[in-house]
């Protein structure tokens, strides 16, 4: 499901940036054959590839710029596809929390 995949990217982005200690918001992700991606999907894939390359270096400013590009493209793709990214991220995070037997959940207002 596309909502789950975009949510995974956002969650990974947040975790990546926390490990770099450079702010809120990265990812290692795989897409199916690039020919099946929409234009927004291809842009997101390119942004993630750039971030993946920069992650090997210590230029936190460039990493931050690349990370915000990935996040922005996630928002654009979600909006284009009619996905509420806030809800998608919370559902995916909570699903993983349950699978792992953890106790930290994202609570959304009803």
C-alpha atoms as a PDB file:
ATOM      1  CA  UNK A   1       0.000   0.000   0.000  1.00  0.00           C
ATOM      2  CA  UNK A   2       1.421   3.370  -1.016  1.00  0.00           C
ATOM      3  CA  UNK A   3       0.465   5.055   2.255  1.00  0.00           C
ATOM      4  CA  UNK A   4       2.537   2.486   4.196  1.00  0.00           C
ATOM      5  CA  UNK A   5       5.540   2.957   1.915  1.00  0.00           C
ATOM      6  CA  UNK A   6       5.506   6.749   2.222  1.00  0.00           C
ATOM      7  CA  UNK A   7       5.017   6.435   5.986  1.00  0.00           C
ATOM      8  CA  UNK A   8       8.064   4.143   6.133  1.00  0.00           C
ATOM      9  CA  UNK A   9      10.155   6.778   4.380  1.00  0.00           C
ATOM     10  CA  UNK A  10       9.046   9.493   6.810  1.00  0.00           C
ATOM     11  CA  UNK A  11       9.721   7.284   9.853  1.00  0.00           C
ATOM     12  CA  UNK A  12      13.138   6.281   8.521  1.00  0.00           C
ATOM     13  CA  UNK A  13      13.917   9.911   7.762  1.00  0.00           C
ATOM     14  CA  UNK A  14      13.142  10.881  11.335  1.00  0.00           C
ATOM     15  CA  UNK A  15      15.251   8.051  12.762  1.00  0.00           C
ATOM     16  CA  UNK A  16      18.151   8.833  10.424  1.00  0.00           C
ATOM     17  CA  UNK A  17      18.180  12.493  11.392  1.00  0.00           C
ATOM     18  CA  UNK A  18      18.071  11.582  15.081  1.00  0.00           C
ATOM     19  CA  UNK A  19      21.162   9.411  14.633  1.00  0.00           C
ATOM     20  CA  UNK A  20      22.915  12.310  12.893  1.00  0.00           C
ATOM     21  CA  UNK A  21      21.661  14.610  15.688  1.00  0.00           C
ATOM     22  CA  UNK A  22      20.594  17.258  13.183  1.00  0.00           C
ATOM     23  CA  UNK A  23      16.913  17.748  13.766  1.00  0.00           C
ATOM     24  CA  UNK A  24      13.428  16.387  13.490  1.00  0.00           C
ATOM     25  CA  UNK A  25      11.619  15.147  10.500  1.00  0.00           C
ATOM     26  CA  UNK A  26      16.022   8.970   5.994  1.00  0.00           C
ATOM     27  CA  UNK A  27      16.127   6.287   4.572  1.00  0.00           C
ATOM     28  CA  UNK A  28      17.132   3.192   2.907  1.00  0.00           C
ATOM     29  CA  UNK A  29      14.264   2.134   0.737  1.00  0.00           C
ATOM     30  CA  UNK A  30      13.565   0.142  -2.351  1.00  0.00           C
ATOM     31  CA  UNK A  31      11.013   0.874  -5.021  1.00  0.00           C
ATOM     32  CA  UNK A  32       9.721  -1.513  -7.602  1.00  0.00           C
ATOM     33  CA  UNK A  33      10.776  -1.024 -11.216  1.00  0.00           C
ATOM     34  CA  UNK A  34      11.200   2.707 -11.826  1.00  0.00           C
ATOM     35  CA  UNK A  35       8.892   2.529 -14.852  1.00  0.00           C
ATOM     36  CA  UNK A  36       5.954   1.959 -12.515  1.00  0.00           C
ATOM     37  CA  UNK A  37       6.571   5.149 -10.517  1.00  0.00           C
ATOM     38  CA  UNK A  38       4.621   8.330 -11.032  1.00  0.00           C
ATOM     39  CA  UNK A  39       6.523  11.544 -11.742  1.00  0.00           C
ATOM     40  CA  UNK A  40       6.306  12.408  -8.039  1.00  0.00           C
ATOM     41  CA  UNK A  41       7.486   8.905  -7.144  1.00  0.00           C
ATOM     42  CA  UNK A  42      10.533   9.267  -9.388  1.00  0.00           C
ATOM     43  CA  UNK A  43      11.343  12.640  -7.803  1.00  0.00           C
ATOM     44  CA  UNK A  44      11.095  11.074  -4.339  1.00  0.00           C
ATOM     45  CA  UNK A  45      13.339   8.195  -5.429  1.00  0.00           C
ATOM     46  CA  UNK A  46      15.947  10.679  -6.717  1.00  0.00           C
ATOM     47  CA  UNK A  47      15.794  12.697  -3.499  1.00  0.00           C
ATOM     48  CA  UNK A  48      16.308   9.569  -1.397  1.00  0.00           C
ATOM     49  CA  UNK A  49      19.237   8.485  -3.579  1.00  0.00           C
ATOM     50  CA  UNK A  50      20.867  11.903  -3.078  1.00  0.00           C
ATOM     51  CA  UNK A  51      20.355  11.708   0.686  1.00  0.00           C
ATOM     52  CA  UNK A  52      21.784   8.189   0.734  1.00  0.00           C
ATOM     53  CA  UNK A  53      24.936   9.464  -1.009  1.00  0.00           C
ATOM     54  CA  UNK A  54      25.302  12.468   1.321  1.00  0.00           C
ATOM     55  CA  UNK A  55      24.773  10.344   4.437  1.00  0.00           C
ATOM     56  CA  UNK A  56      28.286   8.972   4.017  1.00  0.00           C
ATOM     57  CA  UNK A  57      29.765  12.418   4.656  1.00  0.00           C
ATOM     58  CA  UNK A  58      29.743  14.809   7.593  1.00  0.00           C
ATOM     59  CA  UNK A  59      28.294  17.912   5.916  1.00  0.00           C
ATOM     60  CA  UNK A  60      25.249  18.193   8.155  1.00  0.00           C
ATOM     61  CA  UNK A  61      23.968  21.250   6.308  1.00  0.00           C
ATOM     62  CA  UNK A  62      23.819  19.365   3.010  1.00  0.00           C
ATOM     63  CA  UNK A  63      22.329  16.301   4.686  1.00  0.00           C
ATOM     64  CA  UNK A  64      19.636  18.503   6.252  1.00  0.00           C
ATOM     65  CA  UNK A  65      18.811  20.090   2.873  1.00  0.00           C
ATOM     66  CA  UNK A  66      18.575  16.675   1.238  1.00  0.00           C
ATOM     67  CA  UNK A  67      16.422  15.373   4.105  1.00  0.00           C
ATOM     68  CA  UNK A  68      13.987  18.270   3.820  1.00  0.00           C
ATOM     69  CA  UNK A  69      13.780  17.581   0.076  1.00  0.00           C
ATOM     70  CA  UNK A  70      12.848  13.944   0.787  1.00  0.00           C
ATOM     71  CA  UNK A  71      10.251  15.018   3.357  1.00  0.00           C
ATOM     72  CA  UNK A  72       8.773  17.609   0.999  1.00  0.00           C
ATOM     73  CA  UNK A  73       8.490  15.034  -1.772  1.00  0.00           C
ATOM     74  CA  UNK A  74       6.773  12.604   0.614  1.00  0.00           C
ATOM     75  CA  UNK A  75       4.234  15.290   1.433  1.00  0.00           C
ATOM     76  CA  UNK A  76       3.686  16.061  -2.260  1.00  0.00           C
ATOM     77  CA  UNK A  77       3.261  12.416  -3.230  1.00  0.00           C
ATOM     78  CA  UNK A  78       0.885  11.777  -0.329  1.00  0.00           C
ATOM     79  CA  UNK A  79      -1.207  14.840  -1.183  1.00  0.00           C
ATOM     80  CA  UNK A  80      -1.337  13.888  -4.853  1.00  0.00           C
ATOM     81  CA  UNK A  81      -2.558  10.403  -3.960  1.00  0.00           C
ATOM     82  CA  UNK A  82      -5.062  11.607  -1.349  1.00  0.00           C
ATOM     83  CA  UNK A  83      -3.129  10.137   1.586  1.00  0.00           C
ATOM     84  CA  UNK A  84      -3.298  11.732   5.038  1.00  0.00           C
ATOM     85  CA  UNK A  85       0.383  11.345   5.873  1.00  0.00           C
ATOM     86  CA  UNK A  86      -0.078  12.118   9.570  1.00  0.00           C
ATOM     87  CA  UNK A  87      -2.518   9.233   9.909  1.00  0.00           C
ATOM     88  CA  UNK A  88      -0.443   6.930   7.683  1.00  0.00           C
ATOM     89  CA  UNK A  89       2.720   7.514   9.737  1.00  0.00           C
ATOM     90  CA  UNK A  90       0.884   6.967  13.022  1.00  0.00           C
ATOM     91  CA  UNK A  91      -0.730   3.734  11.794  1.00  0.00           C
ATOM     92  CA  UNK A  92       2.539   2.342  10.410  1.00  0.00           C
ATOM     93  CA  UNK A  93       4.501   3.327  13.532  1.00  0.00           C
ATOM     94  CA  UNK A  94       1.891   1.779  15.832  1.00  0.00           C
ATOM     95  CA  UNK A  95       1.714  -1.399  13.725  1.00  0.00           C
ATOM     96  CA  UNK A  96       5.479  -1.838  14.046  1.00  0.00           C
ATOM     97  CA  UNK A  97       5.329  -1.062  17.771  1.00  0.00           C
ATOM     98  CA  UNK A  98       2.786  -3.856  18.250  1.00  0.00           C
ATOM     99  CA  UNK A  99       4.826  -6.322  16.154  1.00  0.00           C
ATOM    100  CA  UNK A 100       7.932  -5.586  18.204  1.00  0.00           C
ATOM    101  CA  UNK A 101       6.091  -5.786  21.533  1.00  0.00           C
ATOM    102  CA  UNK A 102       7.003  -2.213  22.442  1.00  0.00           C
ATOM    103  CA  UNK A 103       4.925   0.329  24.332  1.00  0.00           C
ATOM    104  CA  UNK A 104       5.520   3.639  22.527  1.00  0.00           C
ATOM    105  CA  UNK A 105       2.555   4.616  20.362  1.00  0.00           C
ATOM    106  CA  UNK A 106       1.555   7.705  18.398  1.00  0.00           C
ATOM    107  CA  UNK A 107      -1.905   8.749  19.521  1.00  0.00           C
ATOM    108  CA  UNK A 108      -4.118  10.639  17.149  1.00  0.00           C
ATOM    109  CA  UNK A 109      -7.204  12.549  18.224  1.00  0.00           C
ATOM    110  CA  UNK A 110     -10.452  10.810  17.318  1.00  0.00           C
END
